[in-house]
Amino acid sequence: MSSLFQSCSSSIASSLTSRSSLRSRSLSLNFFPNNSSTRIPASQNCVKCSLVEPLKYENGRPCIPSLSSELPIPSRLAANTARLEDAPEKSDTRLRIFSGTANPALSQEIACYMGLELGKIKIKRFADGEIYVQLQESVRGCDVYLVQPTCPPANENLMELLIMIDACRRASAKNITAVIPYFGYARADRKTQGRESIAAKLVANLITEAGANRVLACDLHSGQSMGYFDIPVDHVYGQPVILDYLASKSICFDDLVVVSPDVGGVARARAFAKKLSDAPLAIVDKRRHGHNVAEVMNLIGDVKGKVAVMVDDMIDTAGTISKGAALLHQEGAREVYACSTHAVFSPPAIERLSSGLFQEVIITNTIPLLEQNYFPQLTVLSVANLLGETIWRVHDDCSGGFESYSSLGID
């Protein structure tokens, strides 16, 4: 029995020895050629570097670790390292911004403010009107922001937004945020008569089902529209942009009165007046007899000898705001300013606004304005900085940041 065990042990040892020798011969054959073979000369500039600390990520951006080396870093490698350290954050971030065809100018301004470049995307329409969308770069694991207002033509731009969301979802984007500076169909937020549809809820369902994880909207027509979405909604107000502009003008706040063009906009006008040194408030009472048809009845408040600032979320045909301005002049207002976030400007809005009723019409660029629709009293302000800052803070929050939205007035 002992002899059998000794023979087995000796055979195993000899087998291991043979395998070890074979392995060493193989290594010698493959990696250490004999003198007759040509050796690869060692580079004089090779530097062995070791990472002092592991690679870390902050807000989706990789932080370049420090390098330690026993030898001085060659000038070429040092130059490359310096370029990496000085490289802008836009090349490292996991944030992507894509623009639809509705308002590319605003999208470009947002990207410039954020120090990013717009993502490459291909959008075209076939001969039968169908929309084709293809992302020209990878968005796998990225936070994607799609800037697309659903302004006129509302149906075309809405369908384009839905297809863009679907393309990002199928490209494995981590988070998809629909940035909608102007939310179309927002006025269809309730039933005013029997057998009417609530299109705002339908559009919210479409955006959610398409694959959006979040919505960023600017000055929704009514606050309840946020409740129509089953996903988080960040509601940004355009008032800070308009307020900053009014503050730069030589208007005495003691002579200022904020006017709501209808009863539904009283809360908006009151918040606006509070920011203007708690200015007094006036309300225009109107009766609407049909869609895009309004008749002014009377004025609640005193505007005699004062500068009236009319505040509304949008100007469509300008029927409400122009008739309100005429009433303010009849009641003795010295000047009338019109302030609105969304300039839909459906005909005959331009004729009404440029008729001389307004000292100035102040709008923002949430909706692109055609060149032929400009008139001398028109002032267009940009909300790109507001939206860009909001996108950064939303992105930071998704990445574990803690900075508050309160300074931007975001709901």
Protein backbone atom coordinates (compact mmCIF):
# COMPACT_ATOMS: atom_id res chain seq x y z
CA MET A 1 0.00 0.00 0.00
CA SER A 2 2.81 2.40 0.91
CA SER A 3 4.69 1.51 -2.26
CA LEU A 4 1.59 2.29 -4.32
CA PHE A 5 1.28 5.67 -2.60
CA GLN A 6 4.94 6.48 -3.21
CA SER A 7 4.66 5.56 -6.88
CA CYS A 8 1.57 7.79 -7.30
CA SER A 9 3.32 10.69 -5.57
CA SER A 10 6.41 10.33 -7.71
CA SER A 11 4.33 10.19 -10.90
CA ILE A 12 2.38 13.33 -9.90
CA ALA A 13 5.60 15.17 -9.03
CA SER A 14 7.17 14.19 -12.34
CA SER A 15 4.04 15.32 -14.17
CA LEU A 16 4.08 18.70 -12.43
CA THR A 17 7.78 19.03 -13.16
CA SER A 18 7.25 18.30 -16.81
CA ARG A 19 4.37 20.76 -17.02
CA SER A 20 6.42 23.44 -15.25
CA SER A 21 9.35 22.91 -17.55
CA LEU A 22 7.06 22.95 -20.56
CA ARG A 23 5.49 26.20 -19.38
CA SER A 24 8.89 27.81 -18.80
CA ARG A 25 10.07 26.63 -22.21
CA SER A 26 6.92 28.05 -23.76
CA LEU A 27 7.44 31.38 -22.02
CA SER A 28 11.05 31.36 -23.02
CA LEU A 29 10.09 30.55 -26.58
CA ASN A 30 7.35 33.18 -26.85
CA PHE A 31 8.65 36.14 -24.84
CA PHE A 32 12.40 35.69 -24.50
CA PRO A 33 13.78 34.84 -27.93
CA ASN A 34 17.36 33.77 -28.32
CA ASN A 35 20.14 36.00 -29.49
CA SER A 36 19.58 35.11 -33.11
CA SER A 37 16.12 36.79 -33.03
CA THR A 38 15.67 40.55 -33.20
CA ARG A 39 14.87 42.20 -29.89
CA ILE A 40 12.48 45.17 -29.58
CA PRO A 41 14.51 48.09 -28.24
CA ALA A 42 13.19 49.64 -25.04
CA SER A 43 11.91 53.17 -25.42
CA GLN A 44 13.87 55.80 -23.55
CA ASN A 45 10.69 57.84 -22.94
CA CYS A 46 8.65 55.10 -21.28
CA VAL A 47 7.35 56.15 -17.87
CA LYS A 48 5.64 53.86 -15.43
CA CYS A 49 2.80 55.80 -13.79
CA SER A 50 0.57 54.60 -11.02
CA LEU A 51 -2.77 56.05 -9.97
CA VAL A 52 -2.66 57.64 -6.55
CA GLU A 53 -6.45 57.32 -6.20
CA PRO A 54 -9.14 55.53 -8.20
CA LEU A 55 -11.06 57.28 -10.94
CA LYS A 56 -13.93 59.30 -9.48
CA TYR A 57 -17.01 60.79 -11.07
CA GLU A 58 -18.63 64.04 -10.02
CA ASN A 59 -21.93 65.05 -11.62
CA GLY A 60 -21.34 62.59 -14.42
CA ARG A 61 -17.94 64.12 -15.24
CA PRO A 62 -14.82 62.00 -14.66
CA CYS A 63 -12.23 63.72 -12.49
CA ILE A 64 -8.69 63.28 -13.78
CA PRO A 65 -6.59 61.60 -11.04
CA SER A 66 -3.11 62.72 -10.16
CA LEU A 67 -0.19 60.72 -11.49
CA SER A 68 2.88 59.62 -9.59
CA SER A 69 6.10 58.60 -11.28
CA GLU A 70 9.65 57.93 -10.29
CA LEU A 71 10.90 59.64 -13.47
CA PRO A 72 10.03 63.10 -14.77
CA ILE A 73 7.09 63.13 -17.20
CA PRO A 74 8.19 63.74 -20.79
CA SER A 75 7.17 67.05 -22.28
CA ARG A 76 4.80 65.47 -24.80
CA LEU A 77 2.96 63.50 -22.09
CA ALA A 78 2.91 66.54 -19.83
CA ALA A 79 1.35 68.59 -22.61
CA ASN A 80 -1.34 65.98 -23.14
CA THR A 81 -2.08 65.88 -19.41
CA ALA A 82 -2.33 69.66 -19.30
CA ARG A 83 -4.79 69.63 -22.20
CA LEU A 84 -6.90 67.03 -20.41
CA GLU A 85 -6.97 69.06 -17.22
CA ASP A 86 -7.83 72.26 -19.09
CA ALA A 87 -10.42 70.58 -21.29
CA PRO A 88 -13.91 72.04 -20.94
CA GLU A 89 -16.44 70.11 -18.98
CA LYS A 90 -18.66 69.74 -22.02
CA SER A 91 -16.39 66.99 -23.40
CA ASP A 92 -16.67 64.91 -20.23
CA THR A 93 -20.25 65.34 -19.15
CA ARG A 94 -22.92 62.69 -19.53
CA LEU A 95 -25.49 65.36 -20.35
CA ARG A 96 -26.78 65.65 -23.90
CA ILE A 97 -29.02 68.35 -25.41
CA PHE A 98 -30.85 67.79 -28.67
CA SER A 99 -32.98 70.26 -30.56
CA GLY A 100 -36.07 69.70 -32.61
CA THR A 101 -36.97 71.82 -35.60
CA ALA A 102 -39.49 74.01 -33.74
CA ASN A 103 -37.05 76.48 -32.15
CA PRO A 104 -33.41 75.66 -32.98
CA ALA A 105 -32.24 79.20 -32.16
CA LEU A 106 -33.36 78.90 -28.54
CA SER A 107 -31.80 75.45 -28.27
CA GLN A 108 -28.48 76.83 -29.50
CA GLU A 109 -28.61 79.66 -26.95
CA ILE A 110 -29.28 77.18 -24.14
CA ALA A 111 -26.35 75.03 -25.24
CA CYS A 112 -24.05 78.08 -25.43
CA TYR A 113 -25.02 79.16 -21.93
CA MET A 114 -24.29 75.70 -20.58
CA GLY A 115 -20.98 75.44 -22.43
CA LEU A 116 -22.17 72.42 -24.40
CA GLU A 117 -22.71 71.58 -28.02
CA LEU A 118 -26.04 70.48 -29.39
CA GLY A 119 -26.24 66.76 -30.02
CA LYS A 120 -26.23 65.56 -33.59
CA ILE A 121 -29.65 64.44 -34.71
CA LYS A 122 -31.21 63.80 -38.11
CA ILE A 123 -34.82 64.88 -38.57
CA LYS A 124 -36.53 64.77 -41.92
CA ARG A 125 -39.99 64.45 -43.38
CA PHE A 126 -40.97 62.03 -46.07
CA ALA A 127 -43.05 62.98 -49.08
CA ASP A 128 -46.24 61.86 -47.35
CA GLY A 129 -45.51 64.00 -44.26
CA GLU A 130 -44.21 61.25 -41.96
CA ILE A 131 -41.38 62.26 -39.62
CA TYR A 132 -38.06 60.40 -39.41
CA VAL A 133 -35.67 60.84 -36.47
CA GLN A 134 -32.24 59.31 -35.99
CA LEU A 135 -29.66 60.18 -33.33
CA GLN A 136 -26.22 60.68 -34.85
CA GLU A 137 -24.34 59.96 -31.61
CA SER A 138 -24.56 57.56 -28.70
CA VAL A 139 -26.72 58.47 -25.71
CA ARG A 140 -26.40 55.19 -23.82
CA GLY A 141 -26.46 55.92 -20.11
CA CYS A 142 -26.76 59.69 -20.65
CA ASP A 143 -29.16 62.30 -19.30
CA VAL A 144 -30.85 63.57 -22.45
CA TYR A 145 -32.72 66.87 -22.76
CA LEU A 146 -34.92 67.40 -25.81
CA VAL A 147 -35.77 71.05 -26.50
CA GLN A 148 -38.97 71.25 -28.53
CA PRO A 149 -41.86 73.68 -27.99
CA THR A 150 -45.20 72.51 -29.34
CA CYS A 151 -45.87 75.84 -31.02
CA PRO A 152 -47.58 76.24 -34.42
CA PRO A 153 -47.75 73.98 -36.32
CA ALA A 154 -48.65 72.31 -33.01
CA ASN A 155 -49.45 68.85 -34.34
CA GLU A 156 -46.25 68.61 -36.39
CA ASN A 157 -44.03 69.73 -33.53
CA LEU A 158 -45.79 67.53 -31.00
CA MET A 159 -45.41 64.43 -33.15
CA GLU A 160 -41.76 65.28 -33.74
CA LEU A 161 -41.20 65.52 -29.97
CA LEU A 162 -42.82 62.13 -29.40
CA ILE A 163 -40.65 60.47 -32.04
CA MET A 164 -37.52 62.10 -30.58
CA ILE A 165 -38.39 60.73 -27.15
CA ASP A 166 -38.96 57.28 -28.61
CA ALA A 167 -35.61 57.38 -30.43
CA CYS A 168 -33.77 58.27 -27.21
CA ARG A 169 -35.57 55.56 -25.26
CA ARG A 170 -34.63 52.92 -27.82
CA ALA A 171 -31.04 54.20 -27.76
CA SER A 172 -30.81 53.31 -24.03
CA ALA A 173 -30.73 56.85 -22.64
CA LYS A 174 -30.66 56.84 -18.85
CA ASN A 175 -33.03 59.80 -18.34
CA ILE A 176 -35.09 61.64 -20.94
CA THR A 177 -36.35 65.14 -20.14
CA ALA A 178 -38.72 66.89 -22.53
CA VAL A 179 -37.90 70.60 -22.39
CA ILE A 180 -41.10 72.26 -23.63
CA PRO A 181 -40.75 76.07 -23.53
CA TYR A 182 -44.30 76.40 -24.86
CA PHE A 183 -46.77 73.63 -24.08
CA GLY A 184 -49.43 73.49 -26.77
CA TYR A 185 -52.96 72.35 -25.99
CA ALA A 186 -52.52 73.76 -22.48
CA ARG A 187 -55.67 75.85 -22.85
CA ALA A 188 -57.77 72.69 -23.28
CA ASP A 189 -57.31 71.86 -19.60
CA ARG A 190 -60.95 71.47 -18.56
CA LYS A 191 -64.44 71.01 -19.88
CA THR A 192 -66.29 74.30 -20.30
CA GLN A 193 -69.18 72.67 -22.15
CA GLY A 194 -70.61 69.22 -22.47
CA ARG A 195 -68.97 66.57 -24.69
CA GLU A 196 -65.62 68.42 -24.89
CA SER A 197 -62.22 66.78 -24.77
CA ILE A 198 -59.46 67.63 -22.31
CA ALA A 199 -56.61 67.67 -24.81
CA ALA A 200 -54.01 68.78 -22.26
CA LYS A 201 -54.38 65.48 -20.41
CA LEU A 202 -54.22 63.53 -23.67
CA VAL A 203 -50.97 65.24 -24.70
CA ALA A 204 -49.52 64.60 -21.24
CA ASN A 205 -50.33 60.90 -21.61
CA LEU A 206 -48.70 60.80 -25.04
CA ILE A 207 -45.47 62.34 -23.75
CA THR A 208 -45.39 59.97 -20.79
CA GLU A 209 -46.11 56.86 -22.83
CA ALA A 210 -43.51 57.83 -25.43
CA GLY A 211 -40.85 57.33 -22.77
CA ALA A 212 -40.12 60.72 -21.15
CA ASN A 213 -38.94 60.56 -17.53
CA ARG A 214 -39.41 64.26 -16.76
CA VAL A 215 -40.91 67.41 -18.26
CA LEU A 216 -39.50 70.92 -18.02
CA ALA A 217 -42.12 73.51 -19.02
CA CYS A 218 -42.21 77.28 -18.98
CA ASP A 219 -45.28 79.25 -17.88
CA LEU A 220 -48.04 76.70 -18.27
CA HIS A 221 -51.44 78.20 -18.99
CA SER A 222 -52.82 76.76 -15.75
CA GLY A 223 -51.25 75.10 -12.76
CA GLN A 224 -53.40 71.99 -12.94
CA SER A 225 -51.65 70.98 -16.16
CA MET A 226 -48.76 69.72 -14.02
CA GLY A 227 -51.12 67.21 -12.44
CA TYR A 228 -51.96 65.72 -15.82
CA PHE A 229 -48.49 64.15 -16.02
CA ASP A 230 -47.65 60.93 -14.22
CA ILE A 231 -43.96 61.94 -14.25
CA PRO A 232 -42.14 64.82 -12.47
CA VAL A 233 -42.78 68.28 -13.96
CA ASP A 234 -40.49 71.25 -13.36
CA HIS A 235 -42.48 74.43 -13.96
CA VAL A 236 -40.36 77.50 -14.69
CA TYR A 237 -41.76 81.02 -14.77
CA GLY A 238 -40.61 83.59 -17.31
CA GLN A 239 -41.36 86.45 -14.95
CA PRO A 240 -37.75 86.93 -13.72
CA VAL A 241 -36.61 87.71 -17.26
CA ILE A 242 -39.34 90.32 -17.80
CA LEU A 243 -38.91 91.79 -14.31
CA ASP A 244 -35.18 92.29 -14.85
CA TYR A 245 -35.94 94.15 -18.06
CA LEU A 246 -38.56 96.38 -16.46
CA ALA A 247 -36.17 97.15 -13.62
CA SER A 248 -33.66 98.44 -16.16
CA LYS A 249 -36.15 100.95 -17.55
CA SER A 250 -36.70 104.42 -16.12
CA ILE A 251 -40.21 103.73 -14.81
CA CYS A 252 -41.23 105.16 -11.45
CA PHE A 253 -42.64 102.28 -9.46
CA ASP A 254 -44.93 104.69 -7.57
CA ASP A 255 -46.83 105.29 -10.83
CA LEU A 256 -46.98 101.61 -11.73
CA VAL A 257 -50.07 99.42 -11.70
CA VAL A 258 -50.17 95.78 -12.78
CA VAL A 259 -53.23 94.76 -14.78
CA SER A 260 -54.61 91.28 -15.28
CA PRO A 261 -56.40 91.00 -18.66
CA ASP A 262 -58.92 88.52 -17.21
CA VAL A 263 -60.04 87.04 -13.92
CA GLY A 264 -58.16 83.79 -14.57
CA GLY A 265 -54.81 85.59 -14.57
CA VAL A 266 -55.24 87.37 -11.22
CA ALA A 267 -52.86 85.04 -9.37
CA ARG A 268 -50.20 85.55 -12.04
CA ALA A 269 -50.62 89.34 -11.99
CA ARG A 270 -50.58 89.44 -8.18
CA ALA A 271 -47.28 87.53 -8.06
CA PHE A 272 -45.88 89.90 -10.70
CA ALA A 273 -47.02 92.98 -8.76
CA LYS A 274 -45.48 91.68 -5.56
CA LYS A 275 -42.07 91.56 -7.26
CA LEU A 276 -42.52 95.18 -8.41
CA SER A 277 -42.39 96.70 -4.93
CA ASP A 278 -45.89 95.40 -4.23
CA ALA A 279 -47.50 97.53 -6.94
CA PRO A 280 -51.29 97.97 -6.97
CA LEU A 281 -53.42 95.56 -8.97
CA ALA A 282 -56.22 96.09 -11.50
CA ILE A 283 -58.41 93.53 -13.26
CA VAL A 284 -60.12 93.66 -16.63
CA ASP A 285 -63.48 91.91 -16.56
CA LYS A 286 -64.38 90.27 -19.85
CA ARG A 287 -66.98 87.97 -21.27
CA ARG A 288 -65.89 85.46 -23.89
CA HIS A 289 -68.57 84.54 -26.41
CA GLY A 290 -66.49 82.08 -28.40
CA HIS A 291 -62.99 80.80 -29.08
CA ASN A 292 -60.59 83.69 -29.81
CA VAL A 293 -63.48 86.15 -29.33
CA ALA A 294 -63.55 88.39 -26.24
CA GLU A 295 -65.60 91.41 -25.21
CA VAL A 296 -64.39 93.68 -22.42
CA MET A 297 -67.05 94.78 -19.96
CA ASN A 298 -65.45 96.89 -17.21
CA LEU A 299 -62.31 97.59 -15.15
CA ILE A 300 -61.76 96.78 -11.50
CA GLY A 301 -59.16 99.13 -10.02
CA ASP A 302 -57.73 102.61 -10.58
CA VAL A 303 -55.31 103.30 -13.45
CA LYS A 304 -55.82 107.05 -13.95
CA GLY A 305 -52.51 108.82 -14.60
CA LYS A 306 -50.52 105.64 -14.06
CA VAL A 307 -48.33 103.35 -16.12
CA ALA A 308 -50.27 100.14 -16.67
CA VAL A 309 -48.39 96.87 -17.17
CA MET A 310 -50.62 94.13 -18.56
CA VAL A 311 -49.36 90.64 -17.71
CA ASP A 312 -50.47 87.43 -19.42
CA ASP A 313 -48.95 84.04 -20.13
CA MET A 314 -49.54 84.21 -23.90
CA ILE A 315 -50.73 86.45 -26.70
CA ASP A 316 -52.60 84.59 -29.41
CA THR A 317 -54.80 86.83 -31.56
CA ALA A 318 -54.24 89.77 -29.16
CA GLY A 319 -58.00 90.36 -28.92
CA THR A 320 -58.12 90.24 -25.13
CA ILE A 321 -55.05 92.34 -24.46
CA SER A 322 -55.77 94.97 -27.15
CA LYS A 323 -59.35 95.56 -25.97
CA GLY A 324 -58.04 95.72 -22.44
CA ALA A 325 -55.48 98.33 -23.47
CA ALA A 326 -58.18 100.42 -25.13
CA LEU A 327 -60.20 100.31 -21.91
CA LEU A 328 -57.15 101.34 -19.86
CA HIS A 329 -56.62 104.37 -22.09
CA GLN A 330 -60.30 105.28 -21.67
CA GLU A 331 -59.86 105.08 -17.90
CA GLY A 332 -56.96 107.53 -18.02
CA ALA A 333 -53.83 105.33 -18.09
CA ARG A 334 -50.77 107.33 -19.13
CA GLU A 335 -48.91 104.43 -20.77
CA VAL A 336 -49.70 100.77 -21.35
CA TYR A 337 -47.10 97.99 -21.50
CA ALA A 338 -47.93 94.44 -22.55
CA CYS A 339 -45.84 91.63 -21.04
CA SER A 340 -46.24 88.02 -22.10
CA THR A 341 -44.08 84.91 -22.08
CA HIS A 342 -45.45 83.15 -25.15
CA ALA A 343 -45.95 85.07 -28.40
CA VAL A 344 -48.23 82.85 -30.46
CA PHE A 345 -49.22 85.84 -32.64
CA SER A 346 -51.99 84.33 -34.72
CA PRO A 347 -53.49 86.77 -37.24
CA PRO A 348 -54.49 89.56 -36.76
CA ALA A 349 -52.27 89.91 -33.66
CA ILE A 350 -49.56 91.99 -35.34
CA GLU A 351 -52.04 94.58 -36.60
CA ARG A 352 -53.64 94.92 -33.18
CA LEU A 353 -50.38 95.15 -31.25
CA SER A 354 -48.79 97.69 -33.61
CA SER A 355 -51.86 99.96 -33.72
CA GLY A 356 -50.42 102.40 -31.17
CA LEU A 357 -52.25 101.18 -28.05
CA PHE A 358 -49.04 99.96 -26.41
CA GLN A 359 -45.94 101.84 -25.43
CA GLU A 360 -44.04 98.55 -25.65
CA VAL A 361 -44.86 94.88 -26.14
CA ILE A 362 -42.44 92.66 -24.18
CA ILE A 363 -42.27 88.95 -25.00
CA THR A 364 -39.78 86.09 -24.75
CA ASN A 365 -38.38 83.71 -27.34
CA THR A 366 -40.12 80.53 -26.18
CA ILE A 367 -41.78 80.59 -29.61
CA PRO A 368 -39.74 81.59 -32.67
CA LEU A 369 -40.90 84.83 -34.23
CA LEU A 370 -40.92 85.31 -37.97
CA GLU A 371 -38.96 88.28 -39.26
CA GLN A 372 -42.02 89.81 -40.92
CA ASN A 373 -43.84 89.85 -37.57
CA TYR A 374 -41.48 92.34 -35.93
CA PHE A 375 -42.76 95.87 -35.31
CA PRO A 376 -41.17 98.92 -33.63
CA GLN A 377 -42.85 98.50 -30.24
CA LEU A 378 -41.78 94.84 -29.90
CA THR A 379 -39.05 93.71 -27.48
CA VAL A 380 -37.97 90.06 -27.43
CA LEU A 381 -36.17 88.73 -24.35
CA SER A 382 -34.34 85.42 -24.16
CA VAL A 383 -35.15 82.69 -21.63
CA ALA A 384 -32.11 80.64 -22.65
CA ASN A 385 -30.18 81.44 -19.46
CA LEU A 386 -33.20 80.60 -17.31
CA LEU A 387 -33.78 77.26 -19.01
CA GLY A 388 -30.06 76.46 -19.15
CA GLU A 389 -29.61 77.08 -15.43
CA THR A 390 -32.69 74.99 -14.70
CA ILE A 391 -31.33 72.12 -16.77
CA TRP A 392 -28.06 72.22 -14.85
CA ARG A 393 -29.86 72.13 -11.51
CA VAL A 394 -32.17 69.33 -12.59
CA HIS A 395 -29.15 67.39 -13.79
CA ASP A 396 -27.31 68.02 -10.52
CA ASP A 397 -30.33 66.86 -8.55
CA CYS A 398 -30.51 63.66 -10.57
CA SER A 399 -26.82 63.15 -9.89
CA GLY A 400 -27.11 63.64 -6.14
CA GLY A 401 -26.69 67.41 -5.88
CA PHE A 402 -28.49 69.47 -3.28
CA GLU A 403 -28.76 72.99 -4.72
CA SER A 404 -32.24 74.40 -4.34
CA TYR A 405 -34.51 75.55 -7.14
CA SER A 406 -35.96 78.36 -5.03
CA SER A 407 -33.80 81.08 -6.52
CA LEU A 408 -35.27 80.34 -9.96
CA GLY A 409 -38.88 80.18 -8.82
CA ILE A 410 -39.38 76.62 -10.02
CA ASP A 411 -42.44 74.72 -8.88
